Amino acid sequence: MSENFPATSMPDRDWWAALWPDPEGVLRQVGVEPDMTVLDLCCGDGYFTAPLARLVGGRVYALDLDPLMIERAKVEVTRQDTSVLQWICADAREAATLLPEPVDYVLMANTFHGVPDQSGLAHVVKASLLPGGYFGIVNWYPLAREQTAVLGKPRGPATDMRMSPDAVSAVVEPAGFRTARVVELPPYHFGAIFEVIE
């Protein structure tokens, strides 16, 4: 149960920054608000974790399976002069049992496409959220990989792993969510925001 999700490795920071020059702006677009407590699920090297922590005043739990990624994320959070509530090195599928409290928002960026049991993870996320909480998924549009170039090279998961917003909704909603909205995150991504309904 502790293997990495397929095709979800952390990209080089140079093309990550080229793709996401304003990570805090992305977080605001997907509905993260300053008064929220947030779980950054599969936080990777902290590219979103650090601006997320700044945005919500440090009320962030950051979880990743890879201890090296967590160490890199810690460095980035310190570099940006912010903090998180707790670092959790564990499988994403254990999140609900490891969080010390339910949260307002769970963020999952560029990872959901590679989850083997997406429905099961959606239930885990639901169990991690407060009533009325939100699950925000940032994902690649289902374009051919050759069409999603960053810094001159095709990037992102294999074409057949990519999911449309409707496909993501079809998996997540049965876990007790409704699709609140889908936002465009140019050039190649969307943000699907789900709200707990039961």
N, C-alpha and C. Protein backbone atom coordinates (compact mmCIF):
# COMPACT_ATOMS: atom_id res chain seq x y z
N MET A 1 0.82 -1.21 0.00
CA MET A 1 0.00 0.00 0.00
C MET A 1 0.85 1.26 0.00
N SER A 2 2.16 1.14 -0.04
CA SER A 2 2.97 2.34 0.08
C SER A 2 3.73 2.67 -1.21
N GLU A 3 3.28 2.11 -2.35
CA GLU A 3 3.97 2.44 -3.60
C GLU A 3 3.51 3.82 -4.09
N ASN A 4 4.37 4.46 -4.88
CA ASN A 4 3.98 5.74 -5.47
C ASN A 4 2.86 5.54 -6.46
N PHE A 5 2.00 6.55 -6.58
CA PHE A 5 0.97 6.49 -7.60
C PHE A 5 1.64 6.62 -8.96
N PRO A 6 1.17 5.91 -9.98
CA PRO A 6 1.81 5.95 -11.30
C PRO A 6 1.79 7.36 -11.91
N ALA A 7 2.87 7.70 -12.57
CA ALA A 7 2.98 8.95 -13.34
C ALA A 7 2.68 10.19 -12.51
N THR A 8 3.12 10.18 -11.25
CA THR A 8 2.87 11.35 -10.40
C THR A 8 4.17 11.85 -9.78
N SER A 9 5.29 11.57 -10.40
CA SER A 9 6.56 12.03 -9.85
C SER A 9 6.65 13.55 -9.94
N MET A 10 7.48 14.10 -9.06
CA MET A 10 7.61 15.55 -9.00
C MET A 10 8.43 16.05 -10.18
N PRO A 11 7.91 17.03 -10.92
CA PRO A 11 8.67 17.57 -12.05
C PRO A 11 9.83 18.43 -11.57
N ASP A 12 10.76 18.68 -12.49
CA ASP A 12 11.84 19.61 -12.19
C ASP A 12 11.24 20.98 -11.88
N ARG A 13 11.83 21.64 -10.90
CA ARG A 13 11.25 22.91 -10.45
C ARG A 13 11.26 23.98 -11.54
N ASP A 14 12.20 23.93 -12.49
CA ASP A 14 12.23 24.98 -13.51
C ASP A 14 10.98 24.94 -14.38
N TRP A 15 10.58 23.75 -14.81
CA TRP A 15 9.37 23.73 -15.64
C TRP A 15 8.10 23.82 -14.81
N TRP A 16 8.16 23.40 -13.58
CA TRP A 16 7.03 23.60 -12.67
C TRP A 16 6.75 25.11 -12.54
N ALA A 17 7.81 25.89 -12.35
CA ALA A 17 7.65 27.34 -12.22
C ALA A 17 7.21 27.98 -13.54
N ALA A 18 7.65 27.42 -14.66
CA ALA A 18 7.21 27.94 -15.96
C ALA A 18 5.72 27.67 -16.17
N LEU A 19 5.27 26.53 -15.70
CA LEU A 19 3.86 26.16 -15.83
C LEU A 19 2.98 26.92 -14.85
N TRP A 20 3.48 27.12 -13.62
CA TRP A 20 2.72 27.77 -12.56
C TRP A 20 3.49 28.97 -12.03
N PRO A 21 3.55 30.09 -12.75
CA PRO A 21 4.32 31.24 -12.27
C PRO A 21 3.71 31.92 -11.05
N ASP A 22 2.41 31.68 -10.79
CA ASP A 22 1.73 32.32 -9.66
C ASP A 22 0.96 31.26 -8.87
N PRO A 23 1.67 30.44 -8.08
CA PRO A 23 0.97 29.37 -7.37
C PRO A 23 -0.09 29.88 -6.40
N GLU A 24 0.14 31.01 -5.73
CA GLU A 24 -0.89 31.53 -4.83
C GLU A 24 -2.15 31.92 -5.60
N GLY A 25 -1.97 32.45 -6.80
CA GLY A 25 -3.13 32.78 -7.63
C GLY A 25 -3.94 31.55 -7.98
N VAL A 26 -3.24 30.44 -8.26
CA VAL A 26 -3.94 29.18 -8.54
C VAL A 26 -4.74 28.74 -7.32
N LEU A 27 -4.14 28.84 -6.15
CA LEU A 27 -4.82 28.44 -4.92
C LEU A 27 -6.08 29.28 -4.69
N ARG A 28 -5.99 30.55 -4.93
CA ARG A 28 -7.18 31.41 -4.78
C ARG A 28 -8.25 31.04 -5.81
N GLN A 29 -7.83 30.72 -7.03
CA GLN A 29 -8.79 30.35 -8.07
C GLN A 29 -9.56 29.09 -7.71
N VAL A 30 -8.90 28.16 -7.03
CA VAL A 30 -9.60 26.92 -6.67
C VAL A 30 -10.30 27.02 -5.32
N GLY A 31 -10.40 28.23 -4.78
CA GLY A 31 -11.27 28.45 -3.63
C GLY A 31 -10.63 28.37 -2.26
N VAL A 32 -9.31 28.34 -2.18
CA VAL A 32 -8.67 28.37 -0.86
C VAL A 32 -8.79 29.79 -0.31
N GLU A 33 -9.28 29.90 0.92
CA GLU A 33 -9.49 31.20 1.56
C GLU A 33 -8.63 31.32 2.81
N PRO A 34 -8.26 32.55 3.18
CA PRO A 34 -7.31 32.75 4.28
C PRO A 34 -7.73 32.17 5.63
N ASP A 35 -9.02 31.97 5.88
CA ASP A 35 -9.44 31.47 7.19
C ASP A 35 -9.55 29.95 7.24
N MET A 36 -9.15 29.27 6.20
CA MET A 36 -9.30 27.81 6.14
C MET A 36 -8.12 27.08 6.77
N THR A 37 -8.40 25.84 7.21
CA THR A 37 -7.36 24.87 7.53
C THR A 37 -7.35 23.87 6.38
N VAL A 38 -6.14 23.57 5.86
CA VAL A 38 -6.03 22.83 4.60
C VAL A 38 -5.08 21.65 4.74
N LEU A 39 -5.43 20.55 4.08
CA LEU A 39 -4.51 19.43 3.90
C LEU A 39 -3.98 19.49 2.48
N ASP A 40 -2.67 19.60 2.34
CA ASP A 40 -2.02 19.51 1.04
C ASP A 40 -1.66 18.04 0.85
N LEU A 41 -2.50 17.33 0.11
CA LEU A 41 -2.39 15.89 -0.04
C LEU A 41 -1.46 15.58 -1.21
N CYS A 42 -0.41 14.79 -0.94
CA CYS A 42 0.65 14.53 -1.92
C CYS A 42 1.35 15.84 -2.25
N CYS A 43 1.93 16.45 -1.23
CA CYS A 43 2.47 17.81 -1.33
C CYS A 43 3.73 17.92 -2.17
N GLY A 44 4.42 16.81 -2.42
CA GLY A 44 5.62 16.87 -3.23
C GLY A 44 6.68 17.75 -2.60
N ASP A 45 7.36 18.54 -3.43
CA ASP A 45 8.49 19.33 -2.93
C ASP A 45 8.09 20.69 -2.36
N GLY A 46 6.80 20.91 -2.16
CA GLY A 46 6.35 22.12 -1.49
C GLY A 46 6.05 23.29 -2.40
N TYR A 47 5.97 23.04 -3.71
CA TYR A 47 5.74 24.15 -4.63
C TYR A 47 4.43 24.87 -4.32
N PHE A 48 3.39 24.11 -4.00
CA PHE A 48 2.14 24.73 -3.57
C PHE A 48 2.06 24.86 -2.05
N THR A 49 2.76 24.01 -1.32
CA THR A 49 2.66 24.02 0.14
C THR A 49 3.05 25.36 0.74
N ALA A 50 4.17 25.91 0.28
CA ALA A 50 4.67 27.16 0.86
C ALA A 50 3.71 28.33 0.61
N PRO A 51 3.25 28.57 -0.63
CA PRO A 51 2.29 29.65 -0.82
C PRO A 51 0.95 29.37 -0.14
N LEU A 52 0.59 28.10 -0.05
CA LEU A 52 -0.63 27.73 0.66
C LEU A 52 -0.51 28.11 2.14
N ALA A 53 0.63 27.79 2.74
CA ALA A 53 0.85 28.12 4.15
C ALA A 53 0.81 29.64 4.37
N ARG A 54 1.39 30.39 3.46
CA ARG A 54 1.32 31.85 3.57
C ARG A 54 -0.12 32.34 3.48
N LEU A 55 -0.86 31.78 2.55
CA LEU A 55 -2.24 32.22 2.31
C LEU A 55 -3.14 31.99 3.52
N VAL A 56 -2.95 30.86 4.21
CA VAL A 56 -3.85 30.51 5.32
C VAL A 56 -3.18 30.69 6.68
N GLY A 57 -2.09 31.40 6.72
CA GLY A 57 -1.45 31.69 8.00
C GLY A 57 -0.89 30.47 8.71
N GLY A 58 -0.37 29.50 7.94
CA GLY A 58 0.26 28.33 8.54
C GLY A 58 -0.68 27.20 8.91
N ARG A 59 -1.98 27.35 8.65
CA ARG A 59 -2.94 26.30 9.01
C ARG A 59 -3.00 25.23 7.91
N VAL A 60 -1.87 24.54 7.75
CA VAL A 60 -1.71 23.54 6.71
C VAL A 60 -1.14 22.26 7.30
N TYR A 61 -1.72 21.13 6.91
CA TYR A 61 -1.11 19.83 7.11
C TYR A 61 -0.59 19.40 5.74
N ALA A 62 0.65 18.94 5.68
CA ALA A 62 1.25 18.55 4.41
C ALA A 62 1.63 17.07 4.47
N LEU A 63 1.08 16.29 3.55
CA LEU A 63 1.28 14.85 3.55
C LEU A 63 1.91 14.42 2.23
N ASP A 64 2.93 13.58 2.33
CA ASP A 64 3.51 12.95 1.15
C ASP A 64 4.12 11.62 1.57
N LEU A 65 4.16 10.69 0.63
CA LEU A 65 4.72 9.37 0.89
C LEU A 65 6.25 9.39 0.92
N ASP A 66 6.84 10.32 0.18
CA ASP A 66 8.29 10.33 -0.04
C ASP A 66 8.98 11.24 0.98
N PRO A 67 9.80 10.69 1.87
CA PRO A 67 10.46 11.53 2.87
C PRO A 67 11.39 12.57 2.26
N LEU A 68 11.98 12.28 1.11
CA LEU A 68 12.84 13.25 0.44
C LEU A 68 12.02 14.46 -0.02
N MET A 69 10.84 14.20 -0.55
CA MET A 69 9.97 15.30 -0.97
C MET A 69 9.57 16.16 0.24
N ILE A 70 9.28 15.51 1.35
CA ILE A 70 8.92 16.26 2.55
C ILE A 70 10.08 17.14 3.00
N GLU A 71 11.29 16.62 2.94
CA GLU A 71 12.45 17.43 3.33
C GLU A 71 12.61 18.64 2.41
N ARG A 72 12.41 18.42 1.12
CA ARG A 72 12.48 19.54 0.18
C ARG A 72 11.38 20.56 0.45
N ALA A 73 10.19 20.06 0.75
CA ALA A 73 9.07 20.96 1.05
C ALA A 73 9.35 21.78 2.30
N LYS A 74 9.93 21.15 3.30
CA LYS A 74 10.29 21.89 4.53
C LYS A 74 11.24 23.04 4.22
N VAL A 75 12.23 22.76 3.37
CA VAL A 75 13.18 23.80 2.99
C VAL A 75 12.46 24.94 2.28
N GLU A 76 11.54 24.61 1.38
CA GLU A 76 10.82 25.64 0.64
C GLU A 76 9.92 26.47 1.55
N VAL A 77 9.26 25.81 2.48
CA VAL A 77 8.40 26.52 3.43
C VAL A 77 9.24 27.48 4.29
N THR A 78 10.40 27.02 4.76
CA THR A 78 11.29 27.88 5.53
C THR A 78 11.81 29.03 4.69
N ARG A 79 12.19 28.73 3.44
CA ARG A 79 12.70 29.76 2.54
C ARG A 79 11.67 30.88 2.33
N GLN A 80 10.39 30.50 2.30
CA GLN A 80 9.34 31.49 2.09
C GLN A 80 8.81 32.06 3.42
N ASP A 81 9.53 31.77 4.50
CA ASP A 81 9.25 32.36 5.81
C ASP A 81 7.82 32.11 6.27
N THR A 82 7.42 30.85 6.19
CA THR A 82 6.10 30.48 6.69
C THR A 82 6.23 29.15 7.43
N SER A 83 5.13 28.50 7.76
CA SER A 83 5.18 27.27 8.54
C SER A 83 3.94 26.45 8.26
N VAL A 84 3.99 25.18 8.65
CA VAL A 84 2.82 24.30 8.57
C VAL A 84 2.55 23.73 9.96
N LEU A 85 1.34 23.25 10.15
CA LEU A 85 0.96 22.67 11.43
C LEU A 85 1.67 21.35 11.68
N GLN A 86 1.73 20.51 10.62
CA GLN A 86 2.32 19.18 10.79
C GLN A 86 2.72 18.61 9.44
N TRP A 87 3.88 17.98 9.40
CA TRP A 87 4.33 17.23 8.24
C TRP A 87 3.98 15.77 8.48
N ILE A 88 3.37 15.12 7.50
CA ILE A 88 2.95 13.73 7.65
C ILE A 88 3.55 12.93 6.50
N CYS A 89 4.46 12.02 6.82
CA CYS A 89 5.06 11.15 5.82
C CYS A 89 4.30 9.84 5.83
N ALA A 90 3.41 9.68 4.84
CA ALA A 90 2.52 8.51 4.84
C ALA A 90 1.85 8.38 3.48
N ASP A 91 1.19 7.26 3.29
CA ASP A 91 0.38 7.01 2.10
C ASP A 91 -0.87 7.90 2.15
N ALA A 92 -1.22 8.49 1.02
CA ALA A 92 -2.40 9.36 0.96
C ALA A 92 -3.66 8.64 1.41
N ARG A 93 -3.71 7.33 1.21
CA ARG A 93 -4.90 6.56 1.57
C ARG A 93 -5.07 6.40 3.07
N GLU A 94 -4.08 6.89 3.84
CA GLU A 94 -4.17 6.84 5.31
C GLU A 94 -4.47 8.21 5.91
N ALA A 95 -4.71 9.20 5.07
CA ALA A 95 -4.82 10.58 5.54
C ALA A 95 -5.87 10.77 6.63
N ALA A 96 -7.04 10.19 6.45
CA ALA A 96 -8.13 10.43 7.40
C ALA A 96 -7.80 9.94 8.80
N THR A 97 -7.01 8.88 8.89
CA THR A 97 -6.67 8.34 10.20
C THR A 97 -5.48 9.05 10.84
N LEU A 98 -4.72 9.80 10.05
CA LEU A 98 -3.51 10.44 10.56
C LEU A 98 -3.69 11.92 10.88
N LEU A 99 -4.67 12.55 10.28
CA LEU A 99 -4.92 13.96 10.60
C LEU A 99 -5.40 14.10 12.03
N PRO A 100 -4.91 15.08 12.78
CA PRO A 100 -5.38 15.26 14.15
C PRO A 100 -6.75 15.93 14.24
N GLU A 101 -7.23 16.46 13.13
CA GLU A 101 -8.53 17.14 13.10
C GLU A 101 -9.03 17.15 11.67
N PRO A 102 -10.36 17.20 11.47
CA PRO A 102 -10.86 17.40 10.11
C PRO A 102 -10.55 18.82 9.64
N VAL A 103 -10.44 18.98 8.33
CA VAL A 103 -10.02 20.25 7.75
C VAL A 103 -11.14 20.84 6.88
N ASP A 104 -10.94 22.10 6.50
CA ASP A 104 -11.91 22.78 5.64
C ASP A 104 -11.72 22.44 4.17
N TYR A 105 -10.48 22.13 3.80
CA TYR A 105 -10.16 21.98 2.37
C TYR A 105 -9.05 20.95 2.22
N VAL A 106 -9.20 20.07 1.25
CA VAL A 106 -8.13 19.16 0.85
C VAL A 106 -7.74 19.50 -0.57
N LEU A 107 -6.46 19.80 -0.77
CA LEU A 107 -5.92 20.12 -2.09
C LEU A 107 -5.12 18.94 -2.60
N MET A 108 -5.37 18.57 -3.86
CA MET A 108 -4.58 17.51 -4.51
C MET A 108 -4.22 18.00 -5.90
N ALA A 109 -2.96 18.33 -6.10
CA ALA A 109 -2.53 18.92 -7.37
C ALA A 109 -1.71 17.93 -8.18
N ASN A 110 -2.15 17.68 -9.40
CA ASN A 110 -1.41 16.89 -10.38
C ASN A 110 -1.10 15.46 -9.95
N THR A 111 -2.01 14.87 -9.20
CA THR A 111 -1.78 13.52 -8.69
C THR A 111 -2.98 12.60 -8.88
N PHE A 112 -4.18 13.14 -8.89
CA PHE A 112 -5.38 12.31 -8.87
C PHE A 112 -5.42 11.34 -10.05
N HIS A 113 -4.92 11.74 -11.21
CA HIS A 113 -4.95 10.88 -12.39
C HIS A 113 -4.22 9.56 -12.17
N GLY A 114 -3.23 9.54 -11.28
CA GLY A 114 -2.42 8.35 -11.07
C GLY A 114 -2.84 7.48 -9.91
N VAL A 115 -3.93 7.84 -9.24
CA VAL A 115 -4.39 7.07 -8.08
C VAL A 115 -5.06 5.78 -8.56
N PRO A 116 -4.58 4.61 -8.13
CA PRO A 116 -5.19 3.36 -8.59
C PRO A 116 -6.65 3.20 -8.16
N ASP A 117 -6.96 3.55 -6.93
CA ASP A 117 -8.34 3.45 -6.43
C ASP A 117 -8.85 4.86 -6.15
N GLN A 118 -9.27 5.54 -7.20
CA GLN A 118 -9.69 6.93 -7.07
C GLN A 118 -10.94 7.07 -6.21
N SER A 119 -11.88 6.15 -6.36
CA SER A 119 -13.09 6.19 -5.55
C SER A 119 -12.75 6.01 -4.07
N GLY A 120 -11.86 5.08 -3.78
CA GLY A 120 -11.45 4.86 -2.40
C GLY A 120 -10.80 6.09 -1.81
N LEU A 121 -9.94 6.76 -2.60
CA LEU A 121 -9.29 7.96 -2.09
C LEU A 121 -10.30 9.08 -1.88
N ALA A 122 -11.30 9.18 -2.75
CA ALA A 122 -12.34 10.20 -2.55
C ALA A 122 -13.06 10.00 -1.22
N HIS A 123 -13.29 8.74 -0.85
CA HIS A 123 -13.90 8.47 0.46
C HIS A 123 -12.97 8.86 1.61
N VAL A 124 -11.68 8.62 1.44
CA VAL A 124 -10.70 9.03 2.45
C VAL A 124 -10.72 10.55 2.62
N VAL A 125 -10.75 11.26 1.50
CA VAL A 125 -10.79 12.72 1.55
C VAL A 125 -12.07 13.18 2.24
N LYS A 126 -13.19 12.56 1.91
CA LYS A 126 -14.47 12.93 2.54
C LYS A 126 -14.37 12.78 4.06
N ALA A 127 -13.73 11.71 4.51
CA ALA A 127 -13.58 11.46 5.95
C ALA A 127 -12.61 12.44 6.60
N SER A 128 -11.81 13.14 5.81
CA SER A 128 -10.83 14.11 6.32
C SER A 128 -11.40 15.51 6.45
N LEU A 129 -12.60 15.73 5.90
CA LEU A 129 -13.16 17.07 5.80
C LEU A 129 -14.25 17.35 6.82
N LEU A 130 -14.35 18.61 7.20
CA LEU A 130 -15.47 19.08 8.00
C LEU A 130 -16.74 19.08 7.16
N PRO A 131 -17.92 19.07 7.79
CA PRO A 131 -19.16 19.23 7.02
C PRO A 131 -19.10 20.51 6.18
N GLY A 132 -19.47 20.40 4.93
CA GLY A 132 -19.40 21.55 4.04
C GLY A 132 -18.01 21.86 3.53
N GLY A 133 -17.04 20.98 3.82
CA GLY A 133 -15.67 21.20 3.36
C GLY A 133 -15.52 20.97 1.87
N TYR A 134 -14.32 21.26 1.37
CA TYR A 134 -14.06 21.22 -0.07
C TYR A 134 -12.87 20.33 -0.40
N PHE A 135 -12.97 19.70 -1.56
CA PHE A 135 -11.90 18.90 -2.14
C PHE A 135 -11.56 19.53 -3.48
N GLY A 136 -10.34 20.08 -3.59
CA GLY A 136 -9.92 20.72 -4.83
C GLY A 136 -8.89 19.85 -5.55
N ILE A 137 -9.20 19.50 -6.79
CA ILE A 137 -8.31 18.67 -7.60
C ILE A 137 -7.83 19.49 -8.78
N VAL A 138 -6.52 19.67 -8.87
CA VAL A 138 -5.90 20.32 -10.02
C VAL A 138 -5.38 19.21 -10.92
N ASN A 139 -5.84 19.18 -12.17
CA ASN A 139 -5.49 18.08 -13.06
C ASN A 139 -5.24 18.57 -14.48
N TRP A 140 -4.47 17.78 -15.22
CA TRP A 140 -4.23 18.05 -16.64
C TRP A 140 -5.50 17.77 -17.44
N TYR A 141 -5.83 18.64 -18.38
CA TYR A 141 -6.89 18.33 -19.33
C TYR A 141 -6.49 17.11 -20.16
N PRO A 142 -7.47 16.37 -20.69
CA PRO A 142 -7.15 15.17 -21.47
C PRO A 142 -6.71 15.50 -22.89
N LEU A 143 -5.63 16.25 -22.98
CA LEU A 143 -5.00 16.54 -24.26
C LEU A 143 -3.88 15.53 -24.51
N ALA A 144 -3.55 15.32 -25.77
CA ALA A 144 -2.40 14.46 -26.07
C ALA A 144 -1.14 15.04 -25.44
N ARG A 145 -0.31 14.19 -24.89
CA ARG A 145 0.89 14.67 -24.20
C ARG A 145 1.76 15.54 -25.10
N GLU A 146 1.78 15.23 -26.39
CA GLU A 146 2.58 16.03 -27.32
C GLU A 146 2.07 17.48 -27.40
N GLN A 147 0.82 17.70 -27.01
CA GLN A 147 0.23 19.04 -27.07
C GLN A 147 0.46 19.85 -25.80
N THR A 148 1.05 19.25 -24.79
CA THR A 148 1.24 19.96 -23.52
C THR A 148 2.73 20.16 -23.26
N ALA A 149 3.32 21.02 -24.05
CA ALA A 149 4.75 21.30 -23.94
C ALA A 149 5.00 22.38 -22.90
N VAL A 150 6.05 22.18 -22.12
CA VAL A 150 6.53 23.19 -21.18
C VAL A 150 8.03 23.30 -21.41
N LEU A 151 8.50 24.52 -21.63
CA LEU A 151 9.91 24.77 -21.94
C LEU A 151 10.37 23.90 -23.12
N GLY A 152 9.48 23.76 -24.09
CA GLY A 152 9.84 23.10 -25.34
C GLY A 152 9.77 21.59 -25.37
N LYS A 153 9.31 20.95 -24.28
CA LYS A 153 9.22 19.49 -24.26
C LYS A 153 7.84 19.07 -23.80
N PRO A 154 7.31 17.95 -24.34
CA PRO A 154 6.02 17.43 -23.85
C PRO A 154 6.13 17.08 -22.37
N ARG A 155 5.12 17.45 -21.61
CA ARG A 155 5.15 17.23 -20.16
C ARG A 155 3.82 16.65 -19.69
N GLY A 156 3.86 16.16 -18.47
CA GLY A 156 2.64 15.64 -17.86
C GLY A 156 2.50 14.14 -18.04
N PRO A 157 1.41 13.58 -17.50
CA PRO A 157 1.20 12.14 -17.56
C PRO A 157 0.91 11.67 -18.98
N ALA A 158 0.98 10.37 -19.17
CA ALA A 158 0.64 9.77 -20.46
C ALA A 158 -0.78 10.17 -20.86
N THR A 159 -0.99 10.29 -22.15
CA THR A 159 -2.28 10.74 -22.66
C THR A 159 -3.43 9.91 -22.11
N ASP A 160 -3.25 8.59 -22.04
CA ASP A 160 -4.37 7.73 -21.63
C ASP A 160 -4.67 7.80 -20.13
N MET A 161 -3.84 8.47 -19.35
CA MET A 161 -4.11 8.62 -17.92
C MET A 161 -4.88 9.90 -17.61
N ARG A 162 -4.96 10.81 -18.55
CA ARG A 162 -5.57 12.11 -18.28
C ARG A 162 -7.08 12.01 -18.21
N MET A 163 -7.67 12.87 -17.40
CA MET A 163 -9.11 12.80 -17.13
C MET A 163 -9.77 14.15 -17.41
N SER A 164 -10.96 14.09 -17.96
CA SER A 164 -11.75 15.30 -18.13
C SER A 164 -12.38 15.71 -16.81
N PRO A 165 -12.83 16.95 -16.69
CA PRO A 165 -13.56 17.34 -15.47
C PRO A 165 -14.76 16.43 -15.20
N ASP A 166 -15.49 16.05 -16.24
CA ASP A 166 -16.65 15.17 -16.05
C ASP A 166 -16.24 13.81 -15.52
N ALA A 167 -15.12 13.29 -16.01
CA ALA A 167 -14.64 11.99 -15.53
C ALA A 167 -14.23 12.07 -14.06
N VAL A 168 -13.60 13.17 -13.66
CA VAL A 168 -13.23 13.35 -12.26
C VAL A 168 -14.50 13.44 -11.39
N SER A 169 -15.47 14.21 -11.85
CA SER A 169 -16.73 14.34 -11.09
C SER A 169 -17.43 13.00 -10.93
N ALA A 170 -17.41 12.18 -11.98
CA ALA A 170 -18.08 10.89 -11.93
C ALA A 170 -17.48 9.97 -10.87
N VAL A 171 -16.18 10.15 -10.60
CA VAL A 171 -15.51 9.34 -9.57
C VAL A 171 -15.72 9.92 -8.18
N VAL A 172 -15.64 11.24 -8.06
CA VAL A 172 -15.62 11.87 -6.73
C VAL A 172 -17.03 12.03 -6.14
N GLU A 173 -18.00 12.40 -6.94
CA GLU A 173 -19.33 12.71 -6.40
C GLU A 173 -19.96 11.57 -5.61
N PRO A 174 -19.85 10.30 -6.04
CA PRO A 174 -20.48 9.22 -5.27
C PRO A 174 -19.92 9.05 -3.85
N ALA A 175 -18.78 9.64 -3.55
CA ALA A 175 -18.20 9.56 -2.21
C ALA A 175 -18.86 10.55 -1.24
N GLY A 176 -19.82 11.33 -1.72
CA GLY A 176 -20.52 12.27 -0.85
C GLY A 176 -20.19 13.72 -1.14
N PHE A 177 -19.93 14.01 -2.40
CA PHE A 177 -19.61 15.37 -2.83
C PHE A 177 -20.57 15.82 -3.93
N ARG A 178 -20.63 17.12 -4.12
CA ARG A 178 -21.22 17.69 -5.33
C ARG A 178 -20.15 18.55 -5.97
N THR A 179 -20.21 18.65 -7.30
CA THR A 179 -19.27 19.52 -8.01
C THR A 179 -19.70 20.96 -7.80
N ALA A 180 -18.88 21.72 -7.12
CA ALA A 180 -19.21 23.13 -6.87
C ALA A 180 -18.92 23.96 -8.11
N ARG A 181 -17.76 23.74 -8.72
CA ARG A 181 -17.42 24.44 -9.96
C ARG A 181 -16.13 23.86 -10.53
N VAL A 182 -15.91 24.19 -11.80
CA VAL A 182 -14.67 23.84 -12.48
C VAL A 182 -14.08 25.14 -13.01
N VAL A 183 -12.80 25.38 -12.74
CA VAL A 183 -12.15 26.61 -13.18
C VAL A 183 -11.03 26.27 -14.16
N GLU A 184 -10.82 27.17 -15.10
CA GLU A 184 -9.75 27.03 -16.07
C GLU A 184 -8.43 27.47 -15.44
N LEU A 185 -7.39 26.66 -15.62
CA LEU A 185 -6.06 26.99 -15.12
C LEU A 185 -5.08 26.86 -16.28
N PRO A 186 -5.07 27.85 -17.15
CA PRO A 186 -4.25 27.77 -18.37
C PRO A 186 -2.77 27.58 -18.03
N PRO A 187 -2.01 26.94 -18.94
CA PRO A 187 -2.47 26.58 -20.28
C PRO A 187 -3.09 25.19 -20.40
N TYR A 188 -2.84 24.27 -19.46
CA TYR A 188 -3.21 22.88 -19.70
C TYR A 188 -4.04 22.24 -18.59
N HIS A 189 -4.38 22.98 -17.56
CA HIS A 189 -5.02 22.39 -16.39
C HIS A 189 -6.41 22.96 -16.12
N PHE A 190 -7.12 22.21 -15.29
CA PHE A 190 -8.37 22.69 -14.72
C PHE A 190 -8.34 22.42 -13.22
N GLY A 191 -9.17 23.15 -12.50
CA GLY A 191 -9.37 22.88 -11.09
C GLY A 191 -10.82 22.48 -10.89
N ALA A 192 -11.04 21.29 -10.36
CA ALA A 192 -12.39 20.82 -10.04
C ALA A 192 -12.57 20.92 -8.53
N ILE A 193 -13.58 21.68 -8.11
CA ILE A 193 -13.81 21.91 -6.69
C ILE A 193 -15.09 21.22 -6.28
N PHE A 194 -14.98 20.33 -5.29
CA PHE A 194 -16.09 19.53 -4.82
C PHE A 194 -16.43 19.91 -3.38
N GLU A 195 -17.72 19.94 -3.07
CA GLU A 195 -18.19 20.28 -1.73
C GLU A 195 -18.84 19.07 -1.08
N VAL A 196 -18.55 18.84 0.20
CA VAL A 196 -19.18 17.76 0.95
C VAL A 196 -20.68 18.03 1.04
N ILE A 197 -21.50 17.02 0.75
CA ILE A 197 -22.96 17.21 0.81
C ILE A 197 -23.64 16.34 1.84
N GLU A 198 -22.93 15.40 2.44
CA GLU A 198 -23.58 14.53 3.42
C GLU A 198 -22.61 14.11 4.50
